[in-house]
Amino acid sequence: MKNNILEFYKDKHEIPLFYCESGSRLWGIASPDSDYDVRGIHLLSKEQYFGFKKEPDTLSKMDGLFDFESFSLDKFCQLILKSNPNLLEWLRSDLVYFNELPDWENFRVEVLKNIDMSALYFHYLSIAKGHIA
């Protein structure tokens, strides 16, 4: 999987930082034809970050069994501060394909200690209500 990630960035200016599994393989319910739901974080290059052009904050690719989505570090930080459930799943993933963040484990532990449980409560309550109706 690491090779797929590096291949994706081969002709890009962004810098890959962290990628993990986020789908059925993570939950232990993958079927033989399940794809790999690779999710993660990238850093804009210095030229992109300080340039005058608005760069996309999400990169994605769907290619056969490779379902890839990456958020810019800025977008990731904005969403994690809101205790975004999808990103919290990334933090808890034990299927890490690529990690260039030297202090990832300490960051992960601190975020998980400081999540806003009320944000999670209302998120999952909304999902439950949608399935009841």
N, C-alpha and C. Protein backbone atom coordinates (compact mmCIF):
# COMPACT_ATOMS: atom_id res chain seq x y z
N MET A 1 0.82 -1.19 0.00
CA MET A 1 0.00 0.00 0.00
C MET A 1 0.87 1.27 0.00
N LYS A 2 2.00 1.18 0.71
CA LYS A 2 2.90 2.34 0.74
C LYS A 2 3.32 2.73 -0.68
N ASN A 3 3.58 1.75 -1.53
CA ASN A 3 3.95 2.04 -2.91
C ASN A 3 2.83 2.74 -3.66
N ASN A 4 1.58 2.35 -3.43
CA ASN A 4 0.43 3.02 -4.07
C ASN A 4 0.37 4.49 -3.65
N ILE A 5 0.61 4.73 -2.37
CA ILE A 5 0.57 6.11 -1.86
C ILE A 5 1.68 6.94 -2.49
N LEU A 6 2.89 6.41 -2.50
CA LEU A 6 4.02 7.14 -3.08
C LEU A 6 3.83 7.35 -4.58
N GLU A 7 3.25 6.37 -5.26
CA GLU A 7 2.97 6.51 -6.69
C GLU A 7 1.96 7.63 -6.94
N PHE A 8 0.95 7.73 -6.08
CA PHE A 8 -0.05 8.79 -6.21
C PHE A 8 0.61 10.17 -6.15
N TYR A 9 1.61 10.33 -5.30
CA TYR A 9 2.26 11.63 -5.10
C TYR A 9 3.43 11.88 -6.04
N LYS A 10 3.75 10.93 -6.88
CA LYS A 10 4.93 11.01 -7.74
C LYS A 10 5.00 12.32 -8.53
N ASP A 11 3.90 12.75 -9.10
CA ASP A 11 3.88 13.96 -9.94
C ASP A 11 3.16 15.12 -9.26
N LYS A 12 3.08 15.10 -7.95
CA LYS A 12 2.37 16.15 -7.21
C LYS A 12 3.36 16.95 -6.37
N HIS A 13 2.93 18.13 -5.97
CA HIS A 13 3.76 18.98 -5.12
C HIS A 13 3.50 18.72 -3.64
N GLU A 14 2.33 18.17 -3.32
CA GLU A 14 1.99 17.90 -1.93
C GLU A 14 2.91 16.83 -1.35
N ILE A 15 3.02 16.83 -0.03
CA ILE A 15 3.90 15.90 0.67
C ILE A 15 3.05 14.96 1.52
N PRO A 16 3.11 13.64 1.28
CA PRO A 16 2.31 12.71 2.09
C PRO A 16 2.86 12.63 3.52
N LEU A 17 1.94 12.60 4.50
CA LEU A 17 2.35 12.57 5.90
C LEU A 17 1.91 11.30 6.63
N PHE A 18 0.63 10.96 6.51
CA PHE A 18 0.10 9.84 7.28
C PHE A 18 -1.07 9.22 6.54
N TYR A 19 -1.10 7.86 6.47
CA TYR A 19 -2.21 7.16 5.81
C TYR A 19 -2.52 5.86 6.53
N CYS A 20 -3.82 5.61 6.68
CA CYS A 20 -4.28 4.41 7.39
C CYS A 20 -5.50 3.83 6.68
N GLU A 21 -5.92 2.68 7.13
CA GLU A 21 -7.15 2.04 6.65
C GLU A 21 -8.33 2.62 7.42
N SER A 22 -9.43 2.82 6.70
CA SER A 22 -10.59 3.42 7.35
C SER A 22 -11.89 2.71 7.03
N GLY A 23 -11.87 1.58 6.42
CA GLY A 23 -13.11 0.94 5.99
C GLY A 23 -13.31 -0.44 6.56
N SER A 24 -13.90 -1.30 5.75
CA SER A 24 -14.28 -2.63 6.21
C SER A 24 -13.10 -3.45 6.71
N ARG A 25 -11.93 -3.25 6.14
CA ARG A 25 -10.75 -3.98 6.62
C ARG A 25 -10.41 -3.59 8.05
N LEU A 26 -10.58 -2.33 8.38
CA LEU A 26 -10.32 -1.86 9.74
C LEU A 26 -11.32 -2.48 10.71
N TRP A 27 -12.57 -2.59 10.28
CA TRP A 27 -13.63 -3.09 11.16
C TRP A 27 -13.67 -4.61 11.22
N GLY A 28 -12.83 -5.27 10.40
CA GLY A 28 -12.79 -6.73 10.41
C GLY A 28 -13.94 -7.39 9.67
N ILE A 29 -14.55 -6.66 8.73
CA ILE A 29 -15.69 -7.22 7.99
C ILE A 29 -15.45 -7.20 6.48
N ALA A 30 -14.19 -7.20 6.07
CA ALA A 30 -13.87 -7.15 4.64
C ALA A 30 -14.27 -8.45 3.96
N SER A 31 -14.78 -8.31 2.76
CA SER A 31 -15.07 -9.48 1.92
C SER A 31 -13.89 -9.66 0.96
N PRO A 32 -13.84 -10.77 0.23
CA PRO A 32 -12.72 -10.98 -0.69
C PRO A 32 -12.56 -9.88 -1.74
N ASP A 33 -13.66 -9.20 -2.09
CA ASP A 33 -13.57 -8.15 -3.10
C ASP A 33 -13.63 -6.74 -2.51
N SER A 34 -13.41 -6.60 -1.21
CA SER A 34 -13.41 -5.28 -0.58
C SER A 34 -12.22 -4.45 -1.06
N ASP A 35 -12.47 -3.16 -1.22
CA ASP A 35 -11.37 -2.28 -1.59
C ASP A 35 -10.60 -1.84 -0.34
N TYR A 36 -9.53 -1.13 -0.56
CA TYR A 36 -8.73 -0.56 0.53
C TYR A 36 -9.12 0.90 0.66
N ASP A 37 -9.73 1.26 1.79
CA ASP A 37 -10.15 2.64 2.05
C ASP A 37 -9.01 3.35 2.76
N VAL A 38 -8.12 3.93 1.97
CA VAL A 38 -6.92 4.58 2.50
C VAL A 38 -7.23 6.06 2.73
N ARG A 39 -7.05 6.49 3.97
CA ARG A 39 -7.35 7.88 4.33
C ARG A 39 -6.14 8.48 5.02
N GLY A 40 -5.95 9.79 4.83
CA GLY A 40 -4.79 10.38 5.48
C GLY A 40 -4.65 11.87 5.30
N ILE A 41 -3.41 12.30 5.52
CA ILE A 41 -3.08 13.72 5.63
C ILE A 41 -1.87 14.02 4.75
N HIS A 42 -1.94 15.17 4.08
CA HIS A 42 -0.79 15.63 3.31
C HIS A 42 -0.49 17.09 3.66
N LEU A 43 0.69 17.50 3.33
CA LEU A 43 1.14 18.87 3.55
C LEU A 43 1.29 19.54 2.20
N LEU A 44 0.77 20.76 2.09
CA LEU A 44 0.99 21.52 0.87
C LEU A 44 2.47 21.89 0.80
N SER A 45 2.99 22.00 -0.40
CA SER A 45 4.38 22.44 -0.55
C SER A 45 4.46 23.91 -0.13
N LYS A 46 5.67 24.37 0.12
CA LYS A 46 5.87 25.77 0.51
C LYS A 46 5.31 26.70 -0.57
N GLU A 47 5.54 26.36 -1.83
CA GLU A 47 5.04 27.19 -2.93
C GLU A 47 3.51 27.23 -2.94
N GLN A 48 2.88 26.10 -2.69
CA GLN A 48 1.42 26.06 -2.65
C GLN A 48 0.88 26.83 -1.45
N TYR A 49 1.50 26.63 -0.31
CA TYR A 49 1.01 27.24 0.92
C TYR A 49 1.07 28.76 0.86
N PHE A 50 2.15 29.28 0.30
CA PHE A 50 2.32 30.73 0.27
C PHE A 50 1.95 31.34 -1.07
N GLY A 51 1.46 30.55 -2.00
CA GLY A 51 1.07 31.05 -3.30
C GLY A 51 -0.27 31.79 -3.24
N PHE A 52 -0.62 32.39 -4.34
CA PHE A 52 -1.85 33.18 -4.40
C PHE A 52 -3.02 32.38 -4.96
N LYS A 53 -2.79 31.14 -5.29
CA LYS A 53 -3.83 30.29 -5.84
C LYS A 53 -4.40 29.41 -4.73
N LYS A 54 -5.71 29.31 -4.64
CA LYS A 54 -6.35 28.44 -3.66
C LYS A 54 -6.14 26.99 -4.08
N GLU A 55 -5.47 26.24 -3.23
CA GLU A 55 -5.20 24.83 -3.51
C GLU A 55 -6.33 23.97 -2.94
N PRO A 56 -6.65 22.85 -3.56
CA PRO A 56 -7.69 21.97 -3.00
C PRO A 56 -7.24 21.42 -1.65
N ASP A 57 -8.18 21.31 -0.72
CA ASP A 57 -7.82 20.78 0.60
C ASP A 57 -8.04 19.27 0.69
N THR A 58 -8.56 18.68 -0.39
CA THR A 58 -8.78 17.24 -0.43
C THR A 58 -8.25 16.68 -1.75
N LEU A 59 -7.51 15.60 -1.67
CA LEU A 59 -7.06 14.87 -2.85
C LEU A 59 -7.69 13.49 -2.80
N SER A 60 -8.12 12.99 -3.94
CA SER A 60 -8.74 11.66 -3.93
C SER A 60 -8.47 10.92 -5.24
N LYS A 61 -8.60 9.61 -5.14
CA LYS A 61 -8.44 8.75 -6.31
C LYS A 61 -9.15 7.43 -6.03
N MET A 62 -9.92 6.99 -6.99
CA MET A 62 -10.55 5.67 -6.92
C MET A 62 -10.03 4.88 -8.11
N ASP A 63 -9.27 3.83 -7.82
CA ASP A 63 -8.65 3.05 -8.88
C ASP A 63 -8.68 1.58 -8.49
N GLY A 64 -9.67 0.85 -8.99
CA GLY A 64 -9.80 -0.56 -8.65
C GLY A 64 -10.04 -0.74 -7.16
N LEU A 65 -9.12 -1.42 -6.50
CA LEU A 65 -9.26 -1.67 -5.06
C LEU A 65 -8.65 -0.56 -4.21
N PHE A 66 -8.14 0.48 -4.83
CA PHE A 66 -7.47 1.58 -4.13
C PHE A 66 -8.41 2.78 -4.07
N ASP A 67 -9.07 2.96 -2.92
CA ASP A 67 -9.97 4.10 -2.68
C ASP A 67 -9.22 5.04 -1.74
N PHE A 68 -8.73 6.14 -2.28
CA PHE A 68 -7.78 7.01 -1.59
C PHE A 68 -8.38 8.40 -1.37
N GLU A 69 -8.23 8.92 -0.15
CA GLU A 69 -8.63 10.30 0.13
C GLU A 69 -7.66 10.88 1.15
N SER A 70 -7.22 12.11 0.87
CA SER A 70 -6.25 12.77 1.72
C SER A 70 -6.68 14.20 1.98
N PHE A 71 -6.59 14.62 3.23
CA PHE A 71 -6.90 16.00 3.61
C PHE A 71 -5.60 16.76 3.81
N SER A 72 -5.63 18.05 3.47
CA SER A 72 -4.48 18.89 3.80
C SER A 72 -4.35 18.95 5.32
N LEU A 73 -3.16 19.22 5.79
CA LEU A 73 -2.93 19.31 7.23
C LEU A 73 -3.84 20.36 7.85
N ASP A 74 -4.05 21.48 7.15
CA ASP A 74 -4.94 22.54 7.66
C ASP A 74 -6.37 22.02 7.84
N LYS A 75 -6.89 21.34 6.82
CA LYS A 75 -8.26 20.81 6.91
C LYS A 75 -8.36 19.77 8.02
N PHE A 76 -7.37 18.89 8.10
CA PHE A 76 -7.35 17.88 9.15
C PHE A 76 -7.43 18.53 10.53
N CYS A 77 -6.61 19.56 10.76
CA CYS A 77 -6.59 20.23 12.07
C CYS A 77 -7.93 20.91 12.37
N GLN A 78 -8.51 21.55 11.37
CA GLN A 78 -9.82 22.19 11.58
C GLN A 78 -10.87 21.16 11.98
N LEU A 79 -10.88 20.03 11.32
CA LEU A 79 -11.89 19.00 11.60
C LEU A 79 -11.63 18.26 12.90
N ILE A 80 -10.38 18.02 13.23
CA ILE A 80 -10.08 17.28 14.46
C ILE A 80 -10.42 18.13 15.68
N LEU A 81 -10.30 19.46 15.56
CA LEU A 81 -10.68 20.34 16.66
C LEU A 81 -12.18 20.29 16.93
N LYS A 82 -12.95 19.85 15.93
CA LYS A 82 -14.40 19.69 16.08
C LYS A 82 -14.77 18.26 16.47
N SER A 83 -13.77 17.44 16.79
CA SER A 83 -13.97 16.02 17.13
C SER A 83 -14.71 15.28 16.02
N ASN A 84 -14.29 15.51 14.79
CA ASN A 84 -14.89 14.84 13.64
C ASN A 84 -14.76 13.33 13.79
N PRO A 85 -15.88 12.60 13.80
CA PRO A 85 -15.84 11.15 14.04
C PRO A 85 -15.01 10.37 13.03
N ASN A 86 -15.04 10.76 11.77
CA ASN A 86 -14.26 10.04 10.77
C ASN A 86 -12.76 10.16 11.05
N LEU A 87 -12.33 11.35 11.45
CA LEU A 87 -10.91 11.53 11.73
C LEU A 87 -10.51 10.85 13.03
N LEU A 88 -11.41 10.80 13.97
CA LEU A 88 -11.12 10.06 15.21
C LEU A 88 -10.92 8.58 14.90
N GLU A 89 -11.64 8.09 13.90
CA GLU A 89 -11.45 6.70 13.46
C GLU A 89 -10.03 6.52 12.91
N TRP A 90 -9.55 7.51 12.17
CA TRP A 90 -8.18 7.43 11.65
C TRP A 90 -7.18 7.34 12.81
N LEU A 91 -7.42 8.14 13.84
CA LEU A 91 -6.51 8.16 14.99
C LEU A 91 -6.48 6.82 15.71
N ARG A 92 -7.57 6.10 15.66
CA ARG A 92 -7.66 4.82 16.36
C ARG A 92 -7.31 3.62 15.46
N SER A 93 -7.06 3.88 14.19
CA SER A 93 -6.76 2.79 13.26
C SER A 93 -5.44 2.11 13.62
N ASP A 94 -5.46 0.79 13.63
CA ASP A 94 -4.22 0.05 13.86
C ASP A 94 -3.64 -0.47 12.54
N LEU A 95 -4.26 -0.10 11.43
CA LEU A 95 -3.75 -0.45 10.10
C LEU A 95 -3.15 0.80 9.46
N VAL A 96 -1.93 1.11 9.82
CA VAL A 96 -1.24 2.30 9.32
C VAL A 96 -0.35 1.87 8.16
N TYR A 97 -0.57 2.51 7.00
CA TYR A 97 0.18 2.17 5.80
C TYR A 97 1.41 3.05 5.59
N PHE A 98 1.36 4.27 6.13
CA PHE A 98 2.43 5.24 5.86
C PHE A 98 2.40 6.27 6.97
N ASN A 99 3.54 6.54 7.58
CA ASN A 99 3.57 7.54 8.66
C ASN A 99 4.92 8.24 8.67
N GLU A 100 4.91 9.52 8.33
CA GLU A 100 6.11 10.35 8.36
C GLU A 100 6.01 11.40 9.46
N LEU A 101 5.09 11.24 10.39
CA LEU A 101 4.92 12.19 11.49
C LEU A 101 5.68 11.67 12.70
N PRO A 102 6.77 12.33 13.09
CA PRO A 102 7.64 11.79 14.13
C PRO A 102 7.01 11.65 15.50
N ASP A 103 6.06 12.49 15.85
CA ASP A 103 5.47 12.43 17.19
C ASP A 103 4.00 12.03 17.12
N TRP A 104 3.66 11.20 16.14
CA TRP A 104 2.26 10.81 15.90
C TRP A 104 1.61 10.21 17.13
N GLU A 105 2.29 9.32 17.81
CA GLU A 105 1.68 8.61 18.94
C GLU A 105 1.29 9.58 20.06
N ASN A 106 2.15 10.53 20.40
CA ASN A 106 1.80 11.51 21.43
C ASN A 106 0.65 12.40 20.98
N PHE A 107 0.67 12.82 19.72
CA PHE A 107 -0.43 13.62 19.19
C PHE A 107 -1.74 12.86 19.28
N ARG A 108 -1.71 11.61 18.84
CA ARG A 108 -2.90 10.76 18.84
C ARG A 108 -3.47 10.62 20.24
N VAL A 109 -2.63 10.34 21.20
CA VAL A 109 -3.07 10.17 22.59
C VAL A 109 -3.68 11.46 23.13
N GLU A 110 -3.05 12.59 22.86
CA GLU A 110 -3.57 13.87 23.36
C GLU A 110 -4.93 14.22 22.74
N VAL A 111 -5.07 14.00 21.45
CA VAL A 111 -6.36 14.28 20.81
C VAL A 111 -7.44 13.39 21.40
N LEU A 112 -7.15 12.11 21.53
CA LEU A 112 -8.16 11.18 22.06
C LEU A 112 -8.52 11.49 23.51
N LYS A 113 -7.61 12.06 24.27
CA LYS A 113 -7.91 12.45 25.66
C LYS A 113 -8.78 13.70 25.70
N ASN A 114 -8.78 14.49 24.64
CA ASN A 114 -9.44 15.79 24.66
C ASN A 114 -10.60 15.92 23.68
N ILE A 115 -11.14 14.82 23.22
CA ILE A 115 -12.25 14.91 22.27
C ILE A 115 -13.50 15.45 22.95
N ASP A 116 -14.33 16.08 22.16
CA ASP A 116 -15.60 16.63 22.64
C ASP A 116 -16.65 15.53 22.53
N MET A 117 -16.93 14.88 23.64
CA MET A 117 -17.88 13.77 23.64
C MET A 117 -19.27 14.20 23.22
N SER A 118 -19.64 15.45 23.50
CA SER A 118 -20.98 15.90 23.10
C SER A 118 -21.09 15.97 21.58
N ALA A 119 -20.00 16.35 20.90
CA ALA A 119 -20.02 16.37 19.43
C ALA A 119 -20.24 14.96 18.88
N LEU A 120 -19.57 13.99 19.48
CA LEU A 120 -19.76 12.60 19.05
C LEU A 120 -21.17 12.11 19.35
N TYR A 121 -21.66 12.45 20.52
CA TYR A 121 -23.01 12.04 20.92
C TYR A 121 -24.03 12.53 19.89
N PHE A 122 -23.98 13.81 19.56
CA PHE A 122 -24.96 14.36 18.64
C PHE A 122 -24.77 13.82 17.22
N HIS A 123 -23.56 13.55 16.84
CA HIS A 123 -23.31 12.96 15.52
C HIS A 123 -23.98 11.59 15.41
N TYR A 124 -23.70 10.73 16.38
CA TYR A 124 -24.25 9.38 16.33
C TYR A 124 -25.75 9.35 16.62
N LEU A 125 -26.25 10.28 17.42
CA LEU A 125 -27.68 10.40 17.64
C LEU A 125 -28.39 10.74 16.33
N SER A 126 -27.80 11.65 15.57
CA SER A 126 -28.37 12.03 14.29
C SER A 126 -28.41 10.84 13.33
N ILE A 127 -27.36 10.05 13.32
CA ILE A 127 -27.35 8.85 12.47
C ILE A 127 -28.44 7.88 12.91
N ALA A 128 -28.54 7.66 14.21
CA ALA A 128 -29.55 6.73 14.74
C ALA A 128 -30.96 7.20 14.38
N LYS A 129 -31.22 8.50 14.54
CA LYS A 129 -32.54 9.03 14.20
C LYS A 129 -32.85 8.82 12.73
N GLY A 130 -31.85 8.96 11.88
CA GLY A 130 -32.04 8.76 10.45
C GLY A 130 -32.40 7.33 10.10
N HIS A 131 -31.95 6.39 10.90
CA HIS A 131 -32.25 4.98 10.64
C HIS A 131 -33.57 4.54 11.25
N ILE A 132 -34.05 5.29 12.22
CA ILE A 132 -35.32 4.95 12.88
C ILE A 132 -36.50 5.45 12.05
N ALA A 133 -36.34 6.61 11.47
CA ALA A 133 -37.44 7.26 10.75
C ALA A 133 -37.88 6.51 9.52
